[in-house]
């Protein structure tokens, strides 16, 4: 049964329902964070400011999926039961992925905030109204101390008013504060700055992963995930993104919107070559990984030799540098270093 309570992360007035009294999971409909389900363990241990900002800045996915779409917030062990029901229109998110998304530098927060304001502005000259709860998530404001207790309201308002003042001093916006909300209008200078940011695409942290998703390759998948997160990016695995669209157009959209693509060829997968080719055609960076065992595999029997060309990396990509890894820890370490160096 839905009850009127505060959102666990942004503290906006929301509808909250206890989903499982034994496992202590809650379903929340929040006007700022959107729809999410979270375990009590996640709620108590997660960085609330980061979670609130993550959910707000990913509202794009809430609009493009069905009205029933929601996020499931927890750690890997919490996802298993949910993922068994693939008809659920949800996306699972862990603490590590949320932390990798959250900007640590002031300049990054400014750029990401401007881009978010632009998404809400339908046209040049449009005046948008942003509630006090919403603007804290939009501007990545710190609202809680290290213990998870709320900061005094004057400290919170001082933060976002200072950032808005900075935007005005830079000539990016015209702003006017009202009781409970702020009206913001992007200036011509603001739109010019946003256009430069959109062209640079430096704040995009999504990484599309192309590989075989068989159960046997799950350790490779998790090693790649860990390497991406350690490099402060967000991994996108096609089979983990629940949607109600045809899979190929959805795959194309994700590749178009990703910052770069990672393809692992330790196990033959022609779909991965197709996806990587599409990304290269769009001018995206593609990082290719392969286990040393698979790369240097020798084919001795006549039967193996017959199918060797289908089992080894295709000759077209041998001209491109390949990240060769010895074991899963080596894959994570090398991939993280490669991403930091290339991207």
C-alpha atoms as a PDB file:
ATOM      1  CA  UNK A   1       0.000   0.000   0.000  1.00  0.00           C
ATOM      2  CA  UNK A   2       1.392   3.385  -1.047  1.00  0.00           C
ATOM      3  CA  UNK A   3       1.951   5.891   1.742  1.00  0.00           C
ATOM      4  CA  UNK A   4       2.883   9.565   1.606  1.00  0.00           C
ATOM      5  CA  UNK A   5       6.465   9.850   2.840  1.00  0.00           C
ATOM      6  CA  UNK A   6       9.708  11.611   2.021  1.00  0.00           C
ATOM      7  CA  UNK A   7      11.900  10.202  -0.751  1.00  0.00           C
ATOM      8  CA  UNK A   8      14.818   8.314   0.782  1.00  0.00           C
ATOM      9  CA  UNK A   9      17.365  10.253  -1.291  1.00  0.00           C
ATOM     10  CA  UNK A  10      16.115  13.727  -2.251  1.00  0.00           C
ATOM     11  CA  UNK A  11      13.542  14.092   0.581  1.00  0.00           C
ATOM     12  CA  UNK A  12      10.788  15.320  -1.748  1.00  0.00           C
ATOM     13  CA  UNK A  13       7.204  14.372  -0.830  1.00  0.00           C
ATOM     14  CA  UNK A  14       6.682  10.965  -2.445  1.00  0.00           C
ATOM     15  CA  UNK A  15       4.577   7.816  -2.462  1.00  0.00           C
ATOM     16  CA  UNK A  16       6.326   4.888  -0.760  1.00  0.00           C
ATOM     17  CA  UNK A  17       5.306   1.243  -0.622  1.00  0.00           C
ATOM     18  CA  UNK A  18       6.878  -1.589   1.384  1.00  0.00           C
ATOM     19  CA  UNK A  19       7.353  -4.338  -1.214  1.00  0.00           C
ATOM     20  CA  UNK A  20       8.918  -7.088   0.888  1.00  0.00           C
ATOM     21  CA  UNK A  21       8.742  -6.977   4.687  1.00  0.00           C
ATOM     22  CA  UNK A  22      11.295  -9.780   5.045  1.00  0.00           C
ATOM     23  CA  UNK A  23      13.898  -8.394   2.650  1.00  0.00           C
ATOM     24  CA  UNK A  24      12.941  -4.779   3.431  1.00  0.00           C
ATOM     25  CA  UNK A  25      12.599  -3.448  -0.092  1.00  0.00           C
ATOM     26  CA  UNK A  26      10.656  -0.274  -0.862  1.00  0.00           C
ATOM     27  CA  UNK A  27       9.078   1.026  -4.051  1.00  0.00           C
ATOM     28  CA  UNK A  28       9.028   4.820  -4.412  1.00  0.00           C
ATOM     29  CA  UNK A  29       7.290   7.226  -6.781  1.00  0.00           C
ATOM     30  CA  UNK A  30       9.185  10.499  -6.398  1.00  0.00           C
ATOM     31  CA  UNK A  31       8.498  13.689  -8.435  1.00  0.00           C
ATOM     32  CA  UNK A  32      12.259  14.359  -8.600  1.00  0.00           C
ATOM     33  CA  UNK A  33      13.970  10.941  -8.615  1.00  0.00           C
ATOM     34  CA  UNK A  34      11.253   9.131 -10.545  1.00  0.00           C
ATOM     35  CA  UNK A  35      10.306   5.509  -9.891  1.00  0.00           C
ATOM     36  CA  UNK A  36      12.708   3.237  -8.049  1.00  0.00           C
ATOM     37  CA  UNK A  37      12.853   0.211  -5.792  1.00  0.00           C
ATOM     38  CA  UNK A  38      15.607  -0.079  -3.190  1.00  0.00           C
ATOM     39  CA  UNK A  39      16.660  -2.383  -0.399  1.00  0.00           C
ATOM     40  CA  UNK A  40      16.875  -0.948   3.104  1.00  0.00           C
ATOM     41  CA  UNK A  41      20.544  -1.955   3.154  1.00  0.00           C
ATOM     42  CA  UNK A  42      21.177   0.142   0.050  1.00  0.00           C
ATOM     43  CA  UNK A  43      19.212   3.067   1.465  1.00  0.00           C
ATOM     44  CA  UNK A  44      21.156   3.042   4.732  1.00  0.00           C
ATOM     45  CA  UNK A  45      24.619   2.611   3.213  1.00  0.00           C
ATOM     46  CA  UNK A  46      24.503   4.527  -0.081  1.00  0.00           C
ATOM     47  CA  UNK A  47      25.657   8.147  -0.606  1.00  0.00           C
ATOM     48  CA  UNK A  48      22.224   9.792  -0.765  1.00  0.00           C
ATOM     49  CA  UNK A  49      23.341  12.938  -2.597  1.00  0.00           C
ATOM     50  CA  UNK A  50      24.926  10.861  -5.351  1.00  0.00           C
ATOM     51  CA  UNK A  51      21.903   8.575  -5.702  1.00  0.00           C
ATOM     52  CA  UNK A  52      19.500  11.520  -5.947  1.00  0.00           C
ATOM     53  CA  UNK A  53      21.640  13.205  -8.608  1.00  0.00           C
ATOM     54  CA  UNK A  54      22.044   9.958 -10.569  1.00  0.00           C
ATOM     55  CA  UNK A  55      18.301   9.305 -10.684  1.00  0.00           C
ATOM     56  CA  UNK A  56      17.490  12.889 -11.637  1.00  0.00           C
ATOM     57  CA  UNK A  57      20.070  13.156 -14.410  1.00  0.00           C
ATOM     58  CA  UNK A  58      18.964   9.820 -15.886  1.00  0.00           C
ATOM     59  CA  UNK A  59      15.355  10.907 -16.306  1.00  0.00           C
ATOM     60  CA  UNK A  60      15.886  10.496 -20.079  1.00  0.00           C
ATOM     61  CA  UNK A  61      15.528   6.746 -19.652  1.00  0.00           C
ATOM     62  CA  UNK A  62      12.299   7.148 -17.669  1.00  0.00           C
ATOM     63  CA  UNK A  63      10.685   8.979 -20.578  1.00  0.00           C
ATOM     64  CA  UNK A  64      11.872   6.650 -23.325  1.00  0.00           C
ATOM     65  CA  UNK A  65      10.742   3.458 -21.632  1.00  0.00           C
ATOM     66  CA  UNK A  66       7.244   2.444 -20.601  1.00  0.00           C
ATOM     67  CA  UNK A  67       5.333   4.268 -17.907  1.00  0.00           C
ATOM     68  CA  UNK A  68       6.093   1.325 -15.609  1.00  0.00           C
ATOM     69  CA  UNK A  69       9.867   1.726 -15.936  1.00  0.00           C
ATOM     70  CA  UNK A  70      11.806   1.907 -12.677  1.00  0.00           C
ATOM     71  CA  UNK A  71      15.303   1.560 -11.256  1.00  0.00           C
ATOM     72  CA  UNK A  72      16.228  -1.251  -8.900  1.00  0.00           C
ATOM     73  CA  UNK A  73      18.900   0.025  -6.498  1.00  0.00           C
ATOM     74  CA  UNK A  74      21.104  -2.482  -4.719  1.00  0.00           C
ATOM     75  CA  UNK A  75      24.221  -4.590  -5.070  1.00  0.00           C
ATOM     76  CA  UNK A  76      24.783  -7.543  -7.362  1.00  0.00           C
ATOM     77  CA  UNK A  77      23.421 -10.160  -4.962  1.00  0.00           C
ATOM     78  CA  UNK A  78      20.189  -8.186  -4.646  1.00  0.00           C
ATOM     79  CA  UNK A  79      19.609  -8.160  -8.425  1.00  0.00           C
ATOM     80  CA  UNK A  80      19.440 -11.901  -9.022  1.00  0.00           C
ATOM     81  CA  UNK A  81      15.800 -12.470  -8.133  1.00  0.00           C
ATOM     82  CA  UNK A  82      14.653  -9.406 -10.052  1.00  0.00           C
ATOM     83  CA  UNK A  83      16.625 -10.307 -13.161  1.00  0.00           C
ATOM     84  CA  UNK A  84      14.934 -13.709 -13.372  1.00  0.00           C
ATOM     85  CA  UNK A  85      11.798 -11.892 -14.485  1.00  0.00           C
ATOM     86  CA  UNK A  86      13.033 -10.227 -17.664  1.00  0.00           C
ATOM     87  CA  UNK A  87       9.587  -8.740 -18.375  1.00  0.00           C
ATOM     88  CA  UNK A  88      10.127  -6.185 -15.651  1.00  0.00           C
ATOM     89  CA  UNK A  89      10.738  -2.766 -17.275  1.00  0.00           C
ATOM     90  CA  UNK A  90      13.591  -1.899 -14.919  1.00  0.00           C
ATOM     91  CA  UNK A  91      17.263  -1.084 -14.798  1.00  0.00           C
ATOM     92  CA  UNK A  92      19.555  -2.297 -12.014  1.00  0.00           C
ATOM     93  CA  UNK A  93      22.067   0.168 -10.559  1.00  0.00           C
ATOM     94  CA  UNK A  94      24.785  -0.436  -7.970  1.00  0.00           C
ATOM     95  CA  UNK A  95      26.579   2.005  -5.672  1.00  0.00           C
ATOM     96  CA  UNK A  96      29.788   1.711  -7.677  1.00  0.00           C
ATOM     97  CA  UNK A  97      28.020   2.714 -10.907  1.00  0.00           C
ATOM     98  CA  UNK A  98      26.430   5.699  -9.195  1.00  0.00           C
ATOM     99  CA  UNK A  99      29.772   6.858  -7.803  1.00  0.00           C
ATOM    100  CA  UNK A 100      31.411   6.525 -11.207  1.00  0.00           C
ATOM    101  CA  UNK A 101      28.758   8.828 -12.699  1.00  0.00           C
ATOM    102  CA  UNK A 102      28.939  11.559 -10.054  1.00  0.00           C
ATOM    103  CA  UNK A 103      31.210  14.495 -11.068  1.00  0.00           C
ATOM    104  CA  UNK A 104      34.018  15.281  -8.632  1.00  0.00           C
ATOM    105  CA  UNK A 105      35.299  18.523 -10.154  1.00  0.00           C
ATOM    106  CA  UNK A 106      33.422  21.826  -9.940  1.00  0.00           C
ATOM    107  CA  UNK A 107      33.837  22.449 -13.678  1.00  0.00           C
ATOM    108  CA  UNK A 108      32.247  19.067 -14.458  1.00  0.00           C
ATOM    109  CA  UNK A 109      29.308  19.823 -12.164  1.00  0.00           C
ATOM    110  CA  UNK A 110      28.812  23.162 -13.922  1.00  0.00           C
ATOM    111  CA  UNK A 111      28.879  21.580 -17.380  1.00  0.00           C
ATOM    112  CA  UNK A 112      26.534  18.723 -16.471  1.00  0.00           C
ATOM    113  CA  UNK A 113      24.138  21.129 -14.742  1.00  0.00           C
ATOM    114  CA  UNK A 114      23.998  23.383 -17.797  1.00  0.00           C
ATOM    115  CA  UNK A 115      23.259  20.427 -20.046  1.00  0.00           C
ATOM    116  CA  UNK A 116      20.446  19.365 -17.694  1.00  0.00           C
ATOM    117  CA  UNK A 117      18.943  22.862 -17.792  1.00  0.00           C
ATOM    118  CA  UNK A 118      19.092  22.756 -21.589  1.00  0.00           C
ATOM    119  CA  UNK A 119      17.175  19.448 -21.638  1.00  0.00           C
ATOM    120  CA  UNK A 120      14.367  21.087 -19.677  1.00  0.00           C
ATOM    121  CA  UNK A 121      14.307  24.176 -21.936  1.00  0.00           C
ATOM    122  CA  UNK A 122      12.155  23.378 -24.956  1.00  0.00           C
ATOM    123  CA  UNK A 123      13.106  26.464 -26.961  1.00  0.00           C
ATOM    124  CA  UNK A 124      15.202  29.644 -26.907  1.00  0.00           C
ATOM    125  CA  UNK A 125      13.728  32.120 -24.435  1.00  0.00           C
ATOM    126  CA  UNK A 126      11.777  29.472 -22.531  1.00  0.00           C
ATOM    127  CA  UNK A 127      11.499  30.152 -18.787  1.00  0.00           C
ATOM    128  CA  UNK A 128      11.554  26.950 -16.754  1.00  0.00           C
ATOM    129  CA  UNK A 129      10.384  26.571 -13.166  1.00  0.00           C
ATOM    130  CA  UNK A 130      12.528  24.292 -10.971  1.00  0.00           C
ATOM    131  CA  UNK A 131      11.433  23.312  -7.470  1.00  0.00           C
ATOM    132  CA  UNK A 132      13.800  23.569  -4.494  1.00  0.00           C
ATOM    133  CA  UNK A 133      13.977  19.769  -4.215  1.00  0.00           C
ATOM    134  CA  UNK A 134      14.713  19.422  -7.930  1.00  0.00           C
ATOM    135  CA  UNK A 135      17.417  22.069  -8.124  1.00  0.00           C
ATOM    136  CA  UNK A 136      19.488  20.322  -5.448  1.00  0.00           C
ATOM    137  CA  UNK A 137      19.722  17.210  -7.599  1.00  0.00           C
ATOM    138  CA  UNK A 138      20.208  19.181 -10.794  1.00  0.00           C
ATOM    139  CA  UNK A 139      23.189  21.121  -9.370  1.00  0.00           C
ATOM    140  CA  UNK A 140      24.722  18.171  -7.453  1.00  0.00           C
ATOM    141  CA  UNK A 141      24.239  19.906  -4.100  1.00  0.00           C
ATOM    142  CA  UNK A 142      25.503  18.282  -0.900  1.00  0.00           C
ATOM    143  CA  UNK A 143      22.524  17.790   1.432  1.00  0.00           C
ATOM    144  CA  UNK A 144      23.733  15.223   3.952  1.00  0.00           C
ATOM    145  CA  UNK A 145      26.690  14.906   6.292  1.00  0.00           C
ATOM    146  CA  UNK A 146      28.940  11.832   6.554  1.00  0.00           C
ATOM    147  CA  UNK A 147      26.462  10.159   8.934  1.00  0.00           C
ATOM    148  CA  UNK A 148      23.607  10.589   6.465  1.00  0.00           C
ATOM    149  CA  UNK A 149      21.859  13.310   8.463  1.00  0.00           C
ATOM    150  CA  UNK A 150      20.398  16.315   6.648  1.00  0.00           C
ATOM    151  CA  UNK A 151      22.466  19.498   6.613  1.00  0.00           C
ATOM    152  CA  UNK A 152      20.865  22.744   7.852  1.00  0.00           C
ATOM    153  CA  UNK A 153      18.651  24.315   5.199  1.00  0.00           C
ATOM    154  CA  UNK A 154      20.675  27.536   5.110  1.00  0.00           C
ATOM    155  CA  UNK A 155      23.840  25.574   4.204  1.00  0.00           C
ATOM    156  CA  UNK A 156      21.992  23.774   1.428  1.00  0.00           C
ATOM    157  CA  UNK A 157      20.411  26.910  -0.060  1.00  0.00           C
ATOM    158  CA  UNK A 158      23.745  28.759   0.120  1.00  0.00           C
ATOM    159  CA  UNK A 159      25.290  26.123  -2.142  1.00  0.00           C
ATOM    160  CA  UNK A 160      22.783  26.265  -4.978  1.00  0.00           C
ATOM    161  CA  UNK A 161      22.316  30.030  -4.783  1.00  0.00           C
ATOM    162  CA  UNK A 162      26.079  30.449  -5.142  1.00  0.00           C
ATOM    163  CA  UNK A 163      26.127  28.231  -8.244  1.00  0.00           C
ATOM    164  CA  UNK A 164      23.180  30.059  -9.792  1.00  0.00           C
ATOM    165  CA  UNK A 165      24.938  33.354  -9.074  1.00  0.00           C
ATOM    166  CA  UNK A 166      28.005  31.988 -10.853  1.00  0.00           C
ATOM    167  CA  UNK A 167      25.864  31.096 -13.888  1.00  0.00           C
ATOM    168  CA  UNK A 168      24.440  34.619 -13.930  1.00  0.00           C
ATOM    169  CA  UNK A 169      27.877  36.229 -13.581  1.00  0.00           C
ATOM    170  CA  UNK A 170      29.059  34.145 -16.556  1.00  0.00           C
ATOM    171  CA  UNK A 171      26.063  35.405 -18.520  1.00  0.00           C
ATOM    172  CA  UNK A 172      24.586  31.921 -18.953  1.00  0.00           C
ATOM    173  CA  UNK A 173      21.191  32.446 -17.304  1.00  0.00           C
ATOM    174  CA  UNK A 174      18.661  34.895 -15.949  1.00  0.00           C
ATOM    175  CA  UNK A 175      17.276  33.610 -12.648  1.00  0.00           C
ATOM    176  CA  UNK A 176      14.579  34.647 -10.234  1.00  0.00           C
ATOM    177  CA  UNK A 177      13.951  32.908  -6.916  1.00  0.00           C
ATOM    178  CA  UNK A 178      10.394  32.420  -5.659  1.00  0.00           C
ATOM    179  CA  UNK A 179       9.077  30.657  -2.585  1.00  0.00           C
ATOM    180  CA  UNK A 180       9.787  26.963  -3.109  1.00  0.00           C
ATOM    181  CA  UNK A 181      11.131  27.299  -6.645  1.00  0.00           C
ATOM    182  CA  UNK A 182      13.445  29.157  -9.018  1.00  0.00           C
ATOM    183  CA  UNK A 183      12.687  30.419 -12.519  1.00  0.00           C
ATOM    184  CA  UNK A 184      15.590  30.050 -14.974  1.00  0.00           C
ATOM    185  CA  UNK A 185      15.978  31.337 -18.509  1.00  0.00           C
ATOM    186  CA  UNK A 186      19.015  30.414 -20.594  1.00  0.00           C
ATOM    187  CA  UNK A 187      20.625  33.385 -22.372  1.00  0.00           C
ATOM    188  CA  UNK A 188      22.124  33.376 -25.853  1.00  0.00           C
ATOM    189  CA  UNK A 189      25.547  33.050 -24.210  1.00  0.00           C
ATOM    190  CA  UNK A 190      24.261  30.109 -22.210  1.00  0.00           C
ATOM    191  CA  UNK A 191      23.014  28.336 -25.341  1.00  0.00           C
ATOM    192  CA  UNK A 192      26.369  28.957 -27.044  1.00  0.00           C
ATOM    193  CA  UNK A 193      28.171  27.349 -24.093  1.00  0.00           C
ATOM    194  CA  UNK A 194      25.785  24.385 -24.146  1.00  0.00           C
ATOM    195  CA  UNK A 195      26.337  23.944 -27.878  1.00  0.00           C
ATOM    196  CA  UNK A 196      30.095  23.694 -27.267  1.00  0.00           C
ATOM    197  CA  UNK A 197      29.529  21.149 -24.499  1.00  0.00           C
ATOM    198  CA  UNK A 198      27.255  19.070 -26.700  1.00  0.00           C
ATOM    199  CA  UNK A 199      29.837  19.064 -29.473  1.00  0.00           C
ATOM    200  CA  UNK A 200      32.616  18.059 -27.087  1.00  0.00           C
ATOM    201  CA  UNK A 201      30.461  15.383 -25.402  1.00  0.00           C
ATOM    202  CA  UNK A 202      33.040  15.238 -22.631  1.00  0.00           C
ATOM    203  CA  UNK A 203      30.517  14.545 -19.873  1.00  0.00           C
ATOM    204  CA  UNK A 204      29.075  11.392 -21.430  1.00  0.00           C
ATOM    205  CA  UNK A 205      30.103   8.443 -19.252  1.00  0.00           C
ATOM    206  CA  UNK A 206      28.148   5.636 -20.918  1.00  0.00           C
ATOM    207  CA  UNK A 207      30.210   2.763 -22.366  1.00  0.00           C
ATOM    208  CA  UNK A 208      28.581   0.135 -24.600  1.00  0.00           C
ATOM    209  CA  UNK A 209      30.018  -3.371 -24.142  1.00  0.00           C
ATOM    210  CA  UNK A 210      29.926  -5.802 -27.086  1.00  0.00           C
ATOM    211  CA  UNK A 211      30.661  -9.458 -26.339  1.00  0.00           C
ATOM    212  CA  UNK A 212      29.092 -12.879 -26.075  1.00  0.00           C
ATOM    213  CA  UNK A 213      26.792 -12.953 -23.045  1.00  0.00           C
ATOM    214  CA  UNK A 214      26.891 -16.689 -22.390  1.00  0.00           C
ATOM    215  CA  UNK A 215      26.949 -17.825 -18.761  1.00  0.00           C
ATOM    216  CA  UNK A 216      30.477 -19.189 -19.165  1.00  0.00           C
ATOM    217  CA  UNK A 217      31.783 -15.706 -19.914  1.00  0.00           C
ATOM    218  CA  UNK A 218      30.225 -14.050 -16.853  1.00  0.00           C
ATOM    219  CA  UNK A 219      33.652 -13.615 -15.142  1.00  0.00           C
ATOM    220  CA  UNK A 220      34.922 -11.712 -18.219  1.00  0.00           C
ATOM    221  CA  UNK A 221      31.810  -9.575 -18.207  1.00  0.00           C
ATOM    222  CA  UNK A 222      32.261  -8.672 -14.538  1.00  0.00           C
ATOM    223  CA  UNK A 223      35.965  -7.941 -14.997  1.00  0.00           C
ATOM    224  CA  UNK A 224      35.103  -5.538 -17.835  1.00  0.00           C
ATOM    225  CA  UNK A 225      32.370  -3.943 -15.728  1.00  0.00           C
ATOM    226  CA  UNK A 226      34.815  -3.412 -12.865  1.00  0.00           C
ATOM    227  CA  UNK A 227      37.454  -1.913 -15.168  1.00  0.00           C
ATOM    228  CA  UNK A 228      34.962   0.551 -16.658  1.00  0.00           C
ATOM    229  CA  UNK A 229      33.728   1.641 -13.235  1.00  0.00           C
ATOM    230  CA  UNK A 230      37.267   2.031 -11.874  1.00  0.00           C
ATOM    231  CA  UNK A 231      37.947   4.374 -14.807  1.00  0.00           C
ATOM    232  CA  UNK A 232      34.939   6.467 -13.679  1.00  0.00           C
ATOM    233  CA  UNK A 233      32.610   5.479 -16.518  1.00  0.00           C
ATOM    234  CA  UNK A 234      29.249   3.695 -16.624  1.00  0.00           C
ATOM    235  CA  UNK A 235      28.957   0.252 -18.345  1.00  0.00           C
ATOM    236  CA  UNK A 236      26.013  -0.514 -20.633  1.00  0.00           C
ATOM    237  CA  UNK A 237      25.244  -4.197 -21.271  1.00  0.00           C
ATOM    238  CA  UNK A 238      22.442  -4.715 -23.781  1.00  0.00           C
ATOM    239  CA  UNK A 239      20.904  -7.673 -21.954  1.00  0.00           C
ATOM    240  CA  UNK A 240      20.705  -5.711 -18.684  1.00  0.00           C
ATOM    241  CA  UNK A 241      18.735  -2.815 -20.160  1.00  0.00           C
ATOM    242  CA  UNK A 242      15.057  -3.712 -20.054  1.00  0.00           C
ATOM    243  CA  UNK A 243      12.971  -1.942 -22.685  1.00  0.00           C
ATOM    244  CA  UNK A 244       9.780  -2.381 -24.675  1.00  0.00           C
ATOM    245  CA  UNK A 245      11.239  -1.651 -28.112  1.00  0.00           C
ATOM    246  CA  UNK A 246      12.671  -3.762 -30.921  1.00  0.00           C
ATOM    247  CA  UNK A 247      16.172  -4.789 -29.898  1.00  0.00           C
ATOM    248  CA  UNK A 248      18.128  -3.647 -32.985  1.00  0.00           C
ATOM    249  CA  UNK A 249      16.915   0.000 -33.049  1.00  0.00           C
ATOM    250  CA  UNK A 250      17.429   0.142 -29.276  1.00  0.00           C
ATOM    251  CA  UNK A 251      20.970  -1.198 -29.691  1.00  0.00           C
ATOM    252  CA  UNK A 252      21.709   1.415 -32.359  1.00  0.00           C
ATOM    253  CA  UNK A 253      20.431   4.172 -30.065  1.00  0.00           C
ATOM    254  CA  UNK A 254      22.633   3.026 -27.188  1.00  0.00           C
ATOM    255  CA  UNK A 255      25.708   2.886 -29.424  1.00  0.00           C
ATOM    256  CA  UNK A 256      24.942   6.332 -30.869  1.00  0.00           C
ATOM    257  CA  UNK A 257      24.621   7.798 -27.388  1.00  0.00           C
ATOM    258  CA  UNK A 258      27.614   6.049 -25.781  1.00  0.00           C
ATOM    259  CA  UNK A 259      30.987   7.749 -25.317  1.00  0.00           C
ATOM    260  CA  UNK A 260      32.900   4.743 -26.662  1.00  0.00           C
ATOM    261  CA  UNK A 261      32.575   0.979 -27.133  1.00  0.00           C
ATOM    262  CA  UNK A 262      34.438  -2.003 -25.707  1.00  0.00           C
ATOM    263  CA  UNK A 263      34.464  -5.281 -27.637  1.00  0.00           C
ATOM    264  CA  UNK A 264      35.777  -8.511 -26.156  1.00  0.00           C
ATOM    265  CA  UNK A 265      36.625 -11.189 -28.724  1.00  0.00           C
ATOM    266  CA  UNK A 266      37.784 -13.967 -26.396  1.00  0.00           C
ATOM    267  CA  UNK A 267      34.728 -15.920 -27.549  1.00  0.00           C
ATOM    268  CA  UNK A 268      33.620 -15.651 -31.224  1.00  0.00           C
ATOM    269  CA  UNK A 269      30.635 -13.340 -31.612  1.00  0.00           C
ATOM    270  CA  UNK A 270      29.843 -11.860 -35.007  1.00  0.00           C
ATOM    271  CA  UNK A 271      27.229  -9.546 -33.549  1.00  0.00           C
ATOM    272  CA  UNK A 272      29.995  -7.842 -31.569  1.00  0.00           C
ATOM    273  CA  UNK A 273      31.937  -7.154 -34.804  1.00  0.00           C
ATOM    274  CA  UNK A 274      28.797  -5.646 -36.311  1.00  0.00           C
ATOM    275  CA  UNK A 275      28.223  -3.391 -33.304  1.00  0.00           C
ATOM    276  CA  UNK A 276      31.873  -2.302 -33.208  1.00  0.00           C
ATOM    277  CA  UNK A 277      31.767  -1.511 -36.927  1.00  0.00           C
ATOM    278  CA  UNK A 278      28.692   0.641 -36.419  1.00  0.00           C
ATOM    279  CA  UNK A 279      30.439   2.522 -33.589  1.00  0.00           C
ATOM    280  CA  UNK A 280      33.560   3.074 -35.701  1.00  0.00           C
ATOM    281  CA  UNK A 281      31.371   4.393 -38.512  1.00  0.00           C
ATOM    282  CA  UNK A 282      30.021   6.980 -36.090  1.00  0.00           C
ATOM    283  CA  UNK A 283      33.555   8.029 -35.189  1.00  0.00           C
ATOM    284  CA  UNK A 284      33.464   6.392 -31.738  1.00  0.00           C
ATOM    285  CA  UNK A 285      36.555   5.029 -30.024  1.00  0.00           C
ATOM    286  CA  UNK A 286      36.539   1.199 -29.885  1.00  0.00           C
ATOM    287  CA  UNK A 287      38.687  -0.708 -27.394  1.00  0.00           C
ATOM    288  CA  UNK A 288      39.196  -4.379 -28.275  1.00  0.00           C
ATOM    289  CA  UNK A 289      40.069  -6.910 -25.570  1.00  0.00           C
ATOM    290  CA  UNK A 290      40.965 -10.579 -25.854  1.00  0.00           C
ATOM    291  CA  UNK A 291      42.394 -13.248 -23.582  1.00  0.00           C
ATOM    292  CA  UNK A 292      45.949 -14.302 -24.426  1.00  0.00           C
ATOM    293  CA  UNK A 293      44.794 -17.928 -24.403  1.00  0.00           C
ATOM    294  CA  UNK A 294      42.227 -17.275 -27.129  1.00  0.00           C
ATOM    295  CA  UNK A 295      44.470 -14.940 -29.131  1.00  0.00           C
ATOM    296  CA  UNK A 296      47.438 -17.317 -29.299  1.00  0.00           C
ATOM    297  CA  UNK A 297      45.404 -20.490 -29.512  1.00  0.00           C
ATOM    298  CA  UNK A 298      46.956 -23.174 -31.714  1.00  0.00           C
ATOM    299  CA  UNK A 299      44.755 -25.434 -33.800  1.00  0.00           C
ATOM    300  CA  UNK A 300      46.236 -28.918 -34.102  1.00  0.00           C
ATOM    301  CA  UNK A 301      43.580 -31.315 -35.320  1.00  0.00           C
ATOM    302  CA  UNK A 302      42.217 -31.214 -38.845  1.00  0.00           C
ATOM    303  CA  UNK A 303      38.764 -30.429 -37.486  1.00  0.00           C
ATOM    304  CA  UNK A 304      40.110 -27.455 -35.512  1.00  0.00           C
ATOM    305  CA  UNK A 305      42.086 -26.175 -38.486  1.00  0.00           C
ATOM    306  CA  UNK A 306      38.966 -26.374 -40.625  1.00  0.00           C
ATOM    307  CA  UNK A 307      37.160 -23.866 -38.412  1.00  0.00           C
ATOM    308  CA  UNK A 308      40.202 -21.861 -37.276  1.00  0.00           C
ATOM    309  CA  UNK A 309      39.231 -18.740 -39.217  1.00  0.00           C
ATOM    310  CA  UNK A 310      35.908 -18.629 -37.360  1.00  0.00           C
ATOM    311  CA  UNK A 311      37.455 -19.161 -33.915  1.00  0.00           C
ATOM    312  CA  UNK A 312      40.342 -16.709 -34.011  1.00  0.00           C
ATOM    313  CA  UNK A 313      40.067 -12.875 -34.103  1.00  0.00           C
ATOM    314  CA  UNK A 314      39.140 -11.685 -37.571  1.00  0.00           C
ATOM    315  CA  UNK A 315      42.096 -10.442 -39.637  1.00  0.00           C
ATOM    316  CA  UNK A 316      40.516  -6.988 -40.152  1.00  0.00           C
ATOM    317  CA  UNK A 317      40.959  -6.074 -36.491  1.00  0.00           C
ATOM    318  CA  UNK A 318      44.483  -7.449 -36.196  1.00  0.00           C
ATOM    319  CA  UNK A 319      45.622  -4.108 -37.627  1.00  0.00           C
ATOM    320  CA  UNK A 320      44.248  -2.398 -34.516  1.00  0.00           C
ATOM    321  CA  UNK A 321      45.977  -2.618 -31.138  1.00  0.00           C
ATOM    322  CA  UNK A 322      44.290  -5.217 -28.946  1.00  0.00           C
ATOM    323  CA  UNK A 323      44.318  -5.308 -25.168  1.00  0.00           C
ATOM    324  CA  UNK A 324      45.523  -8.819 -24.340  1.00  0.00           C
ATOM    325  CA  UNK A 325      44.871 -10.064 -20.811  1.00  0.00           C
ATOM    326  CA  UNK A 326      46.116 -13.044 -18.788  1.00  0.00           C
ATOM    327  CA  UNK A 327      43.397 -13.357 -16.145  1.00  0.00           C
ATOM    328  CA  UNK A 328      40.361 -11.458 -14.904  1.00  0.00           C
ATOM    329  CA  UNK A 329      42.314  -9.187 -12.546  1.00  0.00           C
ATOM    330  CA  UNK A 330      44.713  -8.366 -15.364  1.00  0.00           C
ATOM    331  CA  UNK A 331      41.755  -7.501 -17.627  1.00  0.00           C
ATOM    332  CA  UNK A 332      40.267  -5.115 -15.055  1.00  0.00           C
ATOM    333  CA  UNK A 333      43.583  -3.403 -14.355  1.00  0.00           C
ATOM    334  CA  UNK A 334      44.639  -3.012 -17.994  1.00  0.00           C
ATOM    335  CA  UNK A 335      41.197  -1.913 -19.180  1.00  0.00           C
ATOM    336  CA  UNK A 336      40.972   0.791 -16.525  1.00  0.00           C
ATOM    337  CA  UNK A 337      44.419   2.095 -17.542  1.00  0.00           C
ATOM    338  CA  UNK A 338      43.573   2.008 -21.256  1.00  0.00           C
ATOM    339  CA  UNK A 339      40.344   3.951 -20.748  1.00  0.00           C
ATOM    340  CA  UNK A 340      42.094   6.617 -18.690  1.00  0.00           C
ATOM    341  CA  UNK A 341      44.845   6.927 -21.309  1.00  0.00           C
ATOM    342  CA  UNK A 342      42.633   6.945 -24.422  1.00  0.00           C
ATOM    343  CA  UNK A 343      39.503   8.721 -23.234  1.00  0.00           C
END
